[in-house]
Amino acid sequence: QAQLVESGGGVVQFGGSLRLSCTASGFSLDDYAIGWFRQGPGAREGLGCINGTDGSTYYVDSVKGRFTISRDSAKNTVYLQMNSLQAEDTGVYYCATQWPCGSSVVSWGQGTQVTVSS
């Protein structure tokens, strides 16, 4: 059964770093774009995406320069490296398959909680 599983969430201090993982089973991540999303107090928002075809990445302005998406095809895993974390980065983080970046989500992971403490 195809599924995405996020991991790596937790509590981190303001200004700290955290790396989230999104591991796929039942399919190859290289066949899809993988987007990262965050659910805070408001609506779920897209943060960035990595295309499966060429590995190109895209970020929203609020995380550009702080967050980096990368892929390890051998591990069938996509990562979200988060640096200089701020209070507004607190939320549940989801990865999702898209085809390509910017298109509708095909499937979601279950999410992982990130809490930035002051």
Protein backbone atom coordinates (compact mmCIF):
# COMPACT_ATOMS: atom_id res chain seq x y z
CA GLN A 1 0.00 0.00 0.00
CA ALA A 2 1.38 3.37 -1.04
CA GLN A 3 1.94 5.78 1.82
CA LEU A 4 4.04 8.70 3.02
CA VAL A 5 5.40 8.86 6.56
CA GLU A 6 6.84 12.02 8.08
CA SER A 7 9.25 11.98 11.00
CA GLY A 8 11.68 14.24 12.80
CA GLY A 9 9.32 16.66 14.44
CA GLY A 10 9.71 17.84 18.02
CA VAL A 11 10.36 20.84 20.22
CA VAL A 12 13.17 23.20 19.24
CA GLN A 13 14.31 26.53 20.62
CA PHE A 14 13.87 29.79 18.78
CA GLY A 15 16.66 30.13 16.24
CA GLY A 16 17.36 26.42 16.21
CA SER A 17 17.27 23.83 13.46
CA LEU A 18 15.36 20.67 12.71
CA ARG A 19 15.29 18.21 9.84
CA LEU A 20 12.09 16.48 8.83
CA SER A 21 11.96 13.32 6.75
CA CYS A 22 9.28 12.09 4.38
CA THR A 23 9.69 8.43 3.48
CA ALA A 24 7.60 6.71 0.85
CA SER A 25 6.59 3.08 0.66
CA GLY A 26 4.87 1.34 -2.19
CA PHE A 27 6.06 3.79 -4.82
CA SER A 28 9.13 5.80 -5.85
CA LEU A 29 9.35 9.41 -4.76
CA ASP A 30 11.28 10.10 -7.97
CA ASP A 31 8.02 9.63 -9.90
CA TYR A 32 6.37 12.57 -8.15
CA ALA A 33 6.93 16.06 -6.95
CA ILE A 34 6.93 16.20 -3.14
CA GLY A 35 5.57 19.25 -1.43
CA TRP A 36 5.92 20.29 2.20
CA PHE A 37 3.01 21.99 3.93
CA ARG A 38 2.41 23.45 7.37
CA GLN A 39 -0.82 23.59 9.38
CA GLY A 40 -0.66 26.36 11.94
CA PRO A 41 -3.56 28.21 13.59
CA GLY A 42 -4.80 29.22 10.14
CA ALA A 43 -5.10 27.41 6.85
CA ARG A 44 -2.65 24.77 5.70
CA GLU A 45 0.01 26.49 3.65
CA GLY A 46 2.51 25.23 1.12
CA LEU A 47 6.14 25.84 2.02
CA GLY A 48 8.06 24.38 -0.87
CA CYS A 49 8.39 21.53 -3.28
CA ILE A 50 10.93 19.37 -5.09
CA ASN A 51 10.23 18.01 -8.56
CA GLY A 52 10.85 14.33 -9.17
CA THR A 53 12.00 14.76 -12.76
CA ASP A 54 14.93 17.12 -12.27
CA GLY A 55 15.15 17.82 -8.54
CA SER A 56 14.33 21.50 -8.97
CA THR A 57 13.03 23.15 -5.83
CA TYR A 58 10.62 25.97 -5.05
CA TYR A 59 9.96 27.86 -1.82
CA VAL A 60 7.54 30.44 -0.57
CA ASP A 61 9.07 33.75 0.46
CA SER A 62 8.51 33.21 4.19
CA VAL A 63 10.92 30.24 4.29
CA LYS A 64 13.27 31.05 1.42
CA GLY A 65 16.85 31.07 2.67
CA ARG A 66 15.90 29.23 5.88
CA PHE A 67 14.38 25.97 4.64
CA THR A 68 15.93 23.53 2.18
CA ILE A 69 14.28 20.55 0.51
CA SER A 70 16.46 17.67 -0.68
CA ARG A 71 16.00 14.11 -1.83
CA ASP A 72 17.80 10.79 -1.27
CA SER A 73 16.54 8.48 -3.97
CA ALA A 74 18.34 5.45 -2.52
CA LYS A 75 16.39 5.88 0.72
CA ASN A 76 13.20 6.95 -1.07
CA THR A 77 13.13 9.91 1.28
CA VAL A 78 12.71 13.66 0.94
CA TYR A 79 14.00 15.98 3.63
CA LEU A 80 13.04 19.41 4.88
CA GLN A 81 15.96 21.11 6.61
CA MET A 82 14.71 24.00 8.71
CA ASN A 83 17.09 26.61 10.11
CA SER A 84 16.61 29.85 12.05
CA LEU A 85 13.26 28.61 13.30
CA GLN A 86 10.78 31.18 14.52
CA ALA A 87 7.63 30.98 16.63
CA GLU A 88 5.44 31.23 13.54
CA ASP A 89 7.03 28.04 12.21
CA THR A 90 5.15 26.08 14.86
CA GLY A 91 2.61 23.68 13.41
CA VAL A 92 1.99 20.26 11.97
CA TYR A 93 4.15 19.59 8.94
CA TYR A 94 2.95 17.39 6.11
CA CYS A 95 4.55 16.07 2.99
CA ALA A 96 2.43 15.30 -0.03
CA THR A 97 2.74 13.99 -3.54
CA GLN A 98 2.04 16.36 -6.39
CA TRP A 99 2.50 16.05 -10.14
CA PRO A 100 4.29 18.46 -10.73
CA CYS A 101 5.03 21.11 -8.08
CA GLY A 102 2.14 23.49 -7.72
CA SER A 103 -0.51 21.04 -8.88
CA SER A 104 -3.20 19.49 -6.72
CA VAL A 105 -2.08 17.13 -3.98
CA VAL A 106 -2.42 13.46 -4.82
CA SER A 107 -1.84 12.04 -1.33
CA TRP A 108 -0.85 13.25 2.14
CA GLY A 109 1.31 11.93 4.91
CA GLN A 110 0.01 11.83 8.47
CA GLY A 111 1.98 14.88 9.64
CA THR A 112 4.56 15.58 12.32
CA GLN A 113 4.38 18.29 15.00
CA VAL A 114 7.02 21.01 15.22
CA THR A 115 6.97 23.38 18.18
CA VAL A 116 9.35 26.35 18.38
CA SER A 117 9.77 27.54 21.95
CA SER A 118 11.11 30.92 23.06
